[in-house]
N, C-alpha and C. Protein backbone atom coordinates (compact mmCIF):
# COMPACT_ATOMS: atom_id res chain seq x y z
N MET A 1 15.88 14.36 -13.15
CA MET A 1 16.53 14.27 -14.44
C MET A 1 15.65 13.45 -15.37
N SER A 2 15.62 13.86 -16.61
CA SER A 2 14.79 13.18 -17.61
C SER A 2 15.37 11.81 -17.96
N ASP A 3 14.47 10.87 -18.22
CA ASP A 3 14.90 9.55 -18.65
C ASP A 3 15.01 9.46 -20.16
N LYS A 4 14.67 10.55 -20.85
CA LYS A 4 14.72 10.57 -22.31
C LYS A 4 16.17 10.38 -22.78
N PRO A 5 16.38 9.50 -23.74
CA PRO A 5 17.74 9.30 -24.25
C PRO A 5 18.30 10.60 -24.84
N VAL A 6 19.55 10.87 -24.58
CA VAL A 6 20.19 12.09 -25.04
C VAL A 6 20.09 12.23 -26.56
N ALA A 7 20.23 11.13 -27.27
CA ALA A 7 20.19 11.16 -28.73
C ALA A 7 18.84 11.62 -29.28
N GLU A 8 17.80 11.59 -28.46
CA GLU A 8 16.47 12.00 -28.89
C GLU A 8 16.12 13.42 -28.42
N MET A 9 17.00 14.06 -27.70
CA MET A 9 16.72 15.38 -27.14
C MET A 9 16.93 16.48 -28.17
N SER A 10 16.08 17.50 -28.07
CA SER A 10 16.30 18.71 -28.86
C SER A 10 17.47 19.47 -28.22
N PHE A 11 17.94 20.48 -28.90
CA PHE A 11 19.02 21.30 -28.35
C PHE A 11 18.60 21.89 -27.01
N GLU A 12 17.38 22.44 -26.96
CA GLU A 12 16.90 23.08 -25.75
C GLU A 12 16.77 22.10 -24.58
N GLU A 13 16.28 20.91 -24.86
CA GLU A 13 16.17 19.89 -23.81
C GLU A 13 17.55 19.50 -23.28
N ALA A 14 18.49 19.32 -24.19
CA ALA A 14 19.84 18.94 -23.79
C ALA A 14 20.51 20.04 -22.98
N MET A 15 20.29 21.30 -23.37
CA MET A 15 20.88 22.42 -22.62
C MET A 15 20.31 22.49 -21.21
N ARG A 16 18.99 22.33 -21.08
CA ARG A 16 18.37 22.36 -19.75
C ARG A 16 18.93 21.23 -18.87
N ALA A 17 19.04 20.04 -19.46
CA ALA A 17 19.56 18.90 -18.71
C ALA A 17 21.02 19.13 -18.32
N LEU A 18 21.80 19.72 -19.23
CA LEU A 18 23.20 20.00 -18.95
C LEU A 18 23.32 21.03 -17.82
N GLU A 19 22.48 22.04 -17.85
CA GLU A 19 22.50 23.04 -16.78
C GLU A 19 22.16 22.40 -15.43
N GLU A 20 21.23 21.46 -15.44
CA GLU A 20 20.86 20.75 -14.21
C GLU A 20 22.04 19.93 -13.69
N VAL A 21 22.72 19.24 -14.59
CA VAL A 21 23.89 18.44 -14.20
C VAL A 21 24.97 19.33 -13.62
N VAL A 22 25.27 20.42 -14.30
CA VAL A 22 26.32 21.33 -13.84
C VAL A 22 25.96 21.89 -12.46
N GLY A 23 24.70 22.27 -12.27
CA GLY A 23 24.27 22.79 -10.98
C GLY A 23 24.50 21.79 -9.86
N LYS A 24 24.14 20.54 -10.10
CA LYS A 24 24.34 19.50 -9.08
C LYS A 24 25.82 19.30 -8.77
N LEU A 25 26.63 19.28 -9.83
CA LEU A 25 28.06 19.08 -9.62
C LEU A 25 28.69 20.26 -8.89
N GLU A 26 28.25 21.49 -9.22
CA GLU A 26 28.80 22.67 -8.56
C GLU A 26 28.44 22.72 -7.08
N ARG A 27 27.24 22.27 -6.73
CA ARG A 27 26.84 22.27 -5.32
C ARG A 27 27.70 21.30 -4.52
N GLY A 28 28.10 20.21 -5.16
CA GLY A 28 28.96 19.23 -4.49
C GLY A 28 28.28 18.43 -3.41
N ASP A 29 26.96 18.36 -3.47
CA ASP A 29 26.25 17.65 -2.41
C ASP A 29 25.77 16.26 -2.85
N VAL A 30 26.45 15.69 -3.83
CA VAL A 30 26.09 14.35 -4.29
C VAL A 30 27.27 13.41 -4.01
N PRO A 31 26.98 12.15 -3.74
CA PRO A 31 28.05 11.18 -3.49
C PRO A 31 28.97 11.04 -4.71
N LEU A 32 30.17 10.57 -4.46
CA LEU A 32 31.18 10.44 -5.50
C LEU A 32 30.69 9.65 -6.70
N GLU A 33 30.10 8.49 -6.45
CA GLU A 33 29.63 7.65 -7.56
C GLU A 33 28.59 8.37 -8.41
N GLU A 34 27.68 9.10 -7.77
CA GLU A 34 26.68 9.86 -8.51
C GLU A 34 27.34 11.00 -9.27
N SER A 35 28.37 11.60 -8.69
CA SER A 35 29.10 12.67 -9.37
C SER A 35 29.72 12.16 -10.67
N ILE A 36 30.27 10.97 -10.62
CA ILE A 36 30.88 10.37 -11.81
C ILE A 36 29.82 10.13 -12.88
N THR A 37 28.67 9.60 -12.46
CA THR A 37 27.56 9.36 -13.40
C THR A 37 27.07 10.68 -13.98
N LEU A 38 26.95 11.70 -13.13
CA LEU A 38 26.52 13.03 -13.62
C LEU A 38 27.52 13.60 -14.61
N TYR A 39 28.81 13.46 -14.31
CA TYR A 39 29.85 13.97 -15.20
C TYR A 39 29.77 13.29 -16.56
N GLU A 40 29.58 11.97 -16.57
CA GLU A 40 29.47 11.23 -17.82
C GLU A 40 28.25 11.70 -18.62
N ARG A 41 27.13 11.88 -17.92
CA ARG A 41 25.91 12.37 -18.59
C ARG A 41 26.13 13.78 -19.12
N GLY A 42 26.80 14.60 -18.35
CA GLY A 42 27.10 15.97 -18.80
C GLY A 42 27.93 15.98 -20.06
N ALA A 43 28.91 15.09 -20.14
CA ALA A 43 29.74 15.01 -21.34
C ALA A 43 28.91 14.60 -22.55
N GLU A 44 27.99 13.66 -22.35
CA GLU A 44 27.12 13.21 -23.42
C GLU A 44 26.17 14.34 -23.86
N LEU A 45 25.64 15.08 -22.91
CA LEU A 45 24.75 16.20 -23.22
C LEU A 45 25.50 17.30 -23.96
N LYS A 46 26.72 17.58 -23.54
CA LYS A 46 27.54 18.60 -24.21
C LYS A 46 27.77 18.22 -25.66
N LYS A 47 28.08 16.96 -25.89
CA LYS A 47 28.31 16.47 -27.25
C LYS A 47 27.04 16.64 -28.10
N ARG A 48 25.87 16.35 -27.51
CA ARG A 48 24.59 16.49 -28.22
C ARG A 48 24.35 17.97 -28.57
N CYS A 49 24.60 18.86 -27.64
CA CYS A 49 24.41 20.29 -27.91
C CYS A 49 25.34 20.76 -29.03
N GLU A 50 26.58 20.33 -28.99
CA GLU A 50 27.53 20.72 -30.03
C GLU A 50 27.09 20.20 -31.40
N ALA A 51 26.59 18.97 -31.45
CA ALA A 51 26.13 18.39 -32.71
C ALA A 51 24.93 19.15 -33.27
N LYS A 52 23.98 19.51 -32.38
CA LYS A 52 22.80 20.25 -32.83
C LYS A 52 23.18 21.65 -33.30
N LEU A 53 24.13 22.29 -32.64
CA LEU A 53 24.60 23.61 -33.08
C LEU A 53 25.28 23.52 -34.44
N LYS A 54 26.11 22.51 -34.63
CA LYS A 54 26.79 22.32 -35.91
C LYS A 54 25.77 22.11 -37.02
N GLU A 55 24.75 21.31 -36.73
CA GLU A 55 23.69 21.04 -37.69
C GLU A 55 22.99 22.35 -38.08
N ALA A 56 22.70 23.18 -37.10
CA ALA A 56 22.03 24.46 -37.36
C ALA A 56 22.95 25.38 -38.17
N GLU A 57 24.23 25.42 -37.83
CA GLU A 57 25.18 26.26 -38.57
C GLU A 57 25.26 25.83 -40.03
N GLU A 58 25.26 24.53 -40.27
CA GLU A 58 25.32 24.03 -41.64
C GLU A 58 24.07 24.41 -42.42
N LYS A 59 22.92 24.37 -41.77
CA LYS A 59 21.69 24.77 -42.43
C LYS A 59 21.72 26.25 -42.79
N VAL A 60 22.20 27.07 -41.87
CA VAL A 60 22.29 28.51 -42.13
C VAL A 60 23.28 28.77 -43.26
N ALA A 61 24.40 28.08 -43.26
CA ALA A 61 25.42 28.27 -44.29
C ALA A 61 24.91 27.85 -45.66
N ALA A 62 23.90 26.98 -45.70
CA ALA A 62 23.40 26.47 -46.98
C ALA A 62 22.33 27.37 -47.59
N ILE A 63 21.92 28.41 -46.89
CA ILE A 63 20.90 29.31 -47.44
C ILE A 63 21.54 30.11 -48.57
N THR A 64 20.89 30.11 -49.72
CA THR A 64 21.39 30.86 -50.86
C THR A 64 20.70 32.21 -50.93
N LEU A 65 21.43 33.21 -51.41
CA LEU A 65 20.90 34.56 -51.51
C LEU A 65 20.87 34.99 -52.96
N ASP A 66 19.90 35.87 -53.29
CA ASP A 66 19.86 36.42 -54.64
C ASP A 66 20.80 37.63 -54.70
N GLY A 67 20.83 38.33 -55.81
CA GLY A 67 21.73 39.46 -56.00
C GLY A 67 21.50 40.59 -55.02
N GLU A 68 20.31 40.68 -54.45
CA GLU A 68 20.00 41.73 -53.49
C GLU A 68 20.18 41.27 -52.04
N GLY A 69 20.65 40.06 -51.85
CA GLY A 69 20.89 39.55 -50.51
C GLY A 69 19.68 38.90 -49.86
N ASN A 70 18.62 38.65 -50.64
CA ASN A 70 17.42 38.00 -50.09
C ASN A 70 17.55 36.49 -50.21
N PRO A 71 17.11 35.75 -49.18
CA PRO A 71 17.18 34.30 -49.27
C PRO A 71 16.28 33.78 -50.40
N THR A 72 16.82 32.85 -51.18
CA THR A 72 16.06 32.29 -52.30
C THR A 72 15.82 30.80 -52.11
N GLY A 73 16.48 30.18 -51.22
CA GLY A 73 16.35 28.72 -51.02
C GLY A 73 17.59 28.20 -50.35
N THR A 74 17.72 26.93 -50.37
CA THR A 74 18.90 26.32 -49.77
C THR A 74 19.61 25.44 -50.78
N THR A 75 20.86 25.24 -50.53
CA THR A 75 21.64 24.32 -51.34
C THR A 75 22.08 23.18 -50.42
N PRO A 76 22.23 22.00 -50.97
CA PRO A 76 22.64 20.87 -50.12
C PRO A 76 24.03 21.12 -49.52
N VAL A 77 24.19 20.72 -48.29
CA VAL A 77 25.48 20.80 -47.63
C VAL A 77 26.17 19.46 -47.84
N GLU A 78 27.38 19.51 -48.36
CA GLU A 78 28.09 18.26 -48.62
C GLU A 78 28.33 17.52 -47.32
N GLY A 79 28.20 16.22 -47.39
CA GLY A 79 28.44 15.37 -46.24
C GLY A 79 27.22 15.15 -45.37
N MET A 80 26.10 15.76 -45.69
CA MET A 80 24.90 15.55 -44.86
C MET A 80 24.13 14.38 -45.36
């Protein structure tokens, strides 16, 4: 498992790490204490993935189109 802080991970890094955590938990071959630690890390990774997806959705929603439907630029998303 990567020692990189979750808050610094890209979406792809967080997804790979989350898949690794889920795989270990599904196998059930880790001690209880480690399972708890893995579950906590998985929850943190899930939250990071959701935040990065929301960020991407907001960027896509902010793309402005001209009369023909072509992208012309972006508009600021409120609250960012």
